[in-house]
Amino acid sequence: MQAETEAAGVVPASPAQWETRRIAAGWPEYGVDVTEDHLPQELARNDRLLSFTKGCYLGQEPIARLDALGHTNRELRRLTITGIEPVAPGTNVLDPASGDVMGTITSAAVDAMGTGCVALGYVKTRANRPGTLLNLAGDAAPRQVTVGGP
């Protein structure tokens, strides 16, 4: 199969290229972007992850309770960051006006064009609308973070 795909002109991606594309597509990796500490609704993929019409299952109560509340306190979002300097997982994103922590980066990579960074991170509900502008914590000159969709 590999010989056939290479003969067709398909070039295998490097691990770094895969990571960039995974993050840019908003595809979380278990153990990195998603752990046992996260609720399914925090991934903002309810239509693909959850069924509220099937029978009982283990862990149903907190999922149903959260569904009744209507929203989570944070959700996983795609983020774009100015500058190509590496961004470490665990780096906070801040409200530019107040300096309050609005979220945390879970994965980041230089974008495919080499002009900025793409990232995944959990952003508080009040700041997770696409287009919201935040700042990256810890830099002498603030780097702008733009919130994207799930």
Protein backbone atom coordinates (compact mmCIF):
# COMPACT_ATOMS: atom_id res chain seq x y z
CA MET A 1 0.00 0.00 0.00
CA GLN A 2 2.82 2.45 0.84
CA ALA A 3 4.49 1.84 -2.53
CA GLU A 4 1.20 2.54 -4.32
CA THR A 5 0.60 5.80 -2.48
CA GLU A 6 4.18 6.97 -3.05
CA ALA A 7 3.89 6.04 -6.75
CA ALA A 8 0.78 8.22 -6.89
CA GLY A 9 2.85 11.16 -5.64
CA VAL A 10 1.77 11.10 -1.99
CA VAL A 11 4.57 12.25 0.27
CA PRO A 12 4.53 11.05 3.89
CA ALA A 13 4.26 13.82 6.47
CA SER A 14 6.86 14.21 9.18
CA PRO A 15 5.73 14.03 12.81
CA ALA A 16 6.07 17.84 13.05
CA GLN A 17 3.93 18.33 9.92
CA TRP A 18 1.30 15.94 11.29
CA GLU A 19 1.26 17.83 14.62
CA THR A 20 0.79 21.19 12.87
CA ARG A 21 -2.07 19.88 10.75
CA ARG A 22 -3.71 18.06 13.68
CA ILE A 23 -3.73 21.22 15.76
CA ALA A 24 -4.85 23.47 12.88
CA ALA A 25 -7.76 21.10 12.22
CA GLY A 26 -8.78 21.18 15.89
CA TRP A 27 -8.19 17.46 16.35
CA PRO A 28 -7.43 16.81 20.05
CA GLU A 29 -4.99 14.10 21.09
CA TYR A 30 -5.88 11.94 24.08
CA GLY A 31 -3.40 12.37 26.89
CA VAL A 32 -2.34 15.78 25.56
CA ASP A 33 -5.46 17.85 24.86
CA VAL A 34 -7.97 15.52 26.49
CA THR A 35 -7.55 13.60 29.73
CA GLU A 36 -9.77 11.93 32.28
CA ASP A 37 -10.05 15.35 33.93
CA HIS A 38 -12.11 16.71 31.01
CA LEU A 39 -15.83 16.35 30.44
CA PRO A 40 -17.03 15.39 26.94
CA GLN A 41 -18.97 18.65 26.58
CA GLU A 42 -15.74 20.64 27.02
CA LEU A 43 -14.69 19.39 23.58
CA ALA A 44 -17.69 21.16 21.98
CA ARG A 45 -18.51 18.09 19.93
CA ASN A 46 -21.74 16.94 21.59
CA ASP A 47 -23.35 15.91 18.29
CA ARG A 48 -20.44 13.53 17.59
CA LEU A 49 -19.55 12.37 21.12
CA LEU A 50 -22.76 12.04 23.11
CA SER A 51 -26.19 10.54 22.81
CA PHE A 52 -28.89 11.77 25.14
CA THR A 53 -31.46 9.27 23.83
CA LYS A 54 -29.73 5.95 24.54
CA GLY A 55 -30.26 3.98 27.71
CA CYS A 56 -28.37 4.31 30.97
CA TYR A 57 -24.57 4.20 31.08
CA LEU A 58 -21.82 4.60 33.62
CA GLY A 59 -21.10 8.30 34.19
CA GLN A 60 -24.45 9.44 32.82
CA GLU A 61 -25.39 11.64 35.79
CA PRO A 62 -22.69 14.35 35.46
CA ILE A 63 -23.15 14.42 31.68
CA ALA A 64 -26.93 14.85 32.00
CA ARG A 65 -26.52 17.46 34.76
CA LEU A 66 -24.16 19.50 32.60
CA ASP A 67 -26.55 19.20 29.66
CA ALA A 68 -29.34 20.58 31.86
CA LEU A 69 -27.15 23.55 32.89
CA GLY A 70 -26.68 24.42 29.22
CA HIS A 71 -22.94 25.11 29.06
CA THR A 72 -19.52 24.28 30.40
CA ASN A 73 -17.17 26.74 32.10
CA ARG A 74 -14.52 26.16 29.42
CA GLU A 75 -14.26 24.56 25.98
CA LEU A 76 -11.46 23.38 23.73
CA ARG A 77 -10.78 25.92 20.98
CA ARG A 78 -8.41 26.34 18.06
CA LEU A 79 -6.19 29.35 18.57
CA THR A 80 -3.88 31.32 16.32
CA ILE A 81 -0.94 33.12 17.89
CA THR A 82 1.27 35.83 16.41
CA GLY A 83 4.99 35.10 16.21
CA ILE A 84 6.72 31.79 15.53
CA GLU A 85 8.44 31.34 18.88
CA PRO A 86 7.45 28.04 20.52
CA VAL A 87 4.55 28.06 22.96
CA ALA A 88 4.75 25.57 25.81
CA PRO A 89 1.74 23.52 26.86
CA GLY A 90 0.35 24.99 30.07
CA THR A 91 0.92 28.58 28.95
CA ASN A 92 -2.01 30.80 29.93
CA VAL A 93 -3.95 33.14 27.68
CA LEU A 94 -5.07 36.41 29.23
CA ASP A 95 -7.79 39.01 28.86
CA PRO A 96 -5.90 41.98 27.38
CA ALA A 97 -7.86 44.54 29.43
CA SER A 98 -7.87 42.95 32.88
CA GLY A 99 -4.96 40.49 32.67
CA ASP A 100 -7.26 37.73 34.00
CA VAL A 101 -6.48 34.16 32.92
CA MET A 102 -8.99 33.14 30.25
CA GLY A 103 -7.53 29.78 29.29
CA THR A 104 -4.59 27.44 28.92
CA ILE A 105 -2.72 26.09 25.88
CA THR A 106 -2.62 22.28 25.57
CA SER A 107 -0.81 21.91 22.20
CA ALA A 108 0.98 24.36 19.91
CA ALA A 109 3.06 24.32 16.73
CA VAL A 110 4.35 26.73 14.10
CA ASP A 111 1.69 27.02 11.39
CA ALA A 112 2.13 25.37 7.98
CA MET A 113 3.19 28.67 6.36
CA GLY A 114 5.76 29.44 9.06
CA THR A 115 4.18 32.81 9.81
CA GLY A 116 2.63 32.23 13.25
CA CYS A 117 1.53 29.48 15.61
CA VAL A 118 -1.54 27.31 15.81
CA ALA A 119 -2.69 25.95 19.13
CA LEU A 120 -5.40 24.11 20.98
CA GLY A 121 -6.43 25.20 24.43
CA TYR A 122 -9.25 25.39 26.88
CA VAL A 123 -10.80 28.87 26.98
CA LYS A 124 -13.39 30.09 29.48
CA THR A 125 -16.90 30.31 28.06
CA ARG A 126 -17.05 34.09 28.40
CA ALA A 127 -14.01 34.45 26.11
CA ASN A 128 -14.36 31.56 23.67
CA ARG A 129 -16.36 33.12 20.84
CA PRO A 130 -14.53 32.92 17.50
CA GLY A 131 -12.67 36.14 16.81
CA THR A 132 -12.09 37.02 20.47
CA LEU A 133 -8.63 38.55 20.97
CA LEU A 134 -6.53 37.51 23.97
CA ASN A 135 -2.86 37.78 24.92
CA LEU A 136 -0.31 35.07 25.53
CA ALA A 137 1.06 35.18 29.10
CA GLY A 138 4.72 35.42 29.92
CA ASP A 139 6.04 37.40 26.97
CA ALA A 140 7.72 40.80 27.37
CA ALA A 141 5.90 42.00 24.24
CA PRO A 142 2.35 40.57 24.27
CA ARG A 143 1.61 38.09 21.52
CA GLN A 144 -1.96 38.21 20.29
CA VAL A 145 -4.11 35.09 20.49
CA THR A 146 -7.22 34.85 18.29
CA VAL A 147 -9.88 32.37 19.33
CA GLY A 148 -11.22 30.09 16.62
CA GLY A 149 -13.92 27.45 16.62
CA PRO A 150 -13.94 24.01 18.21
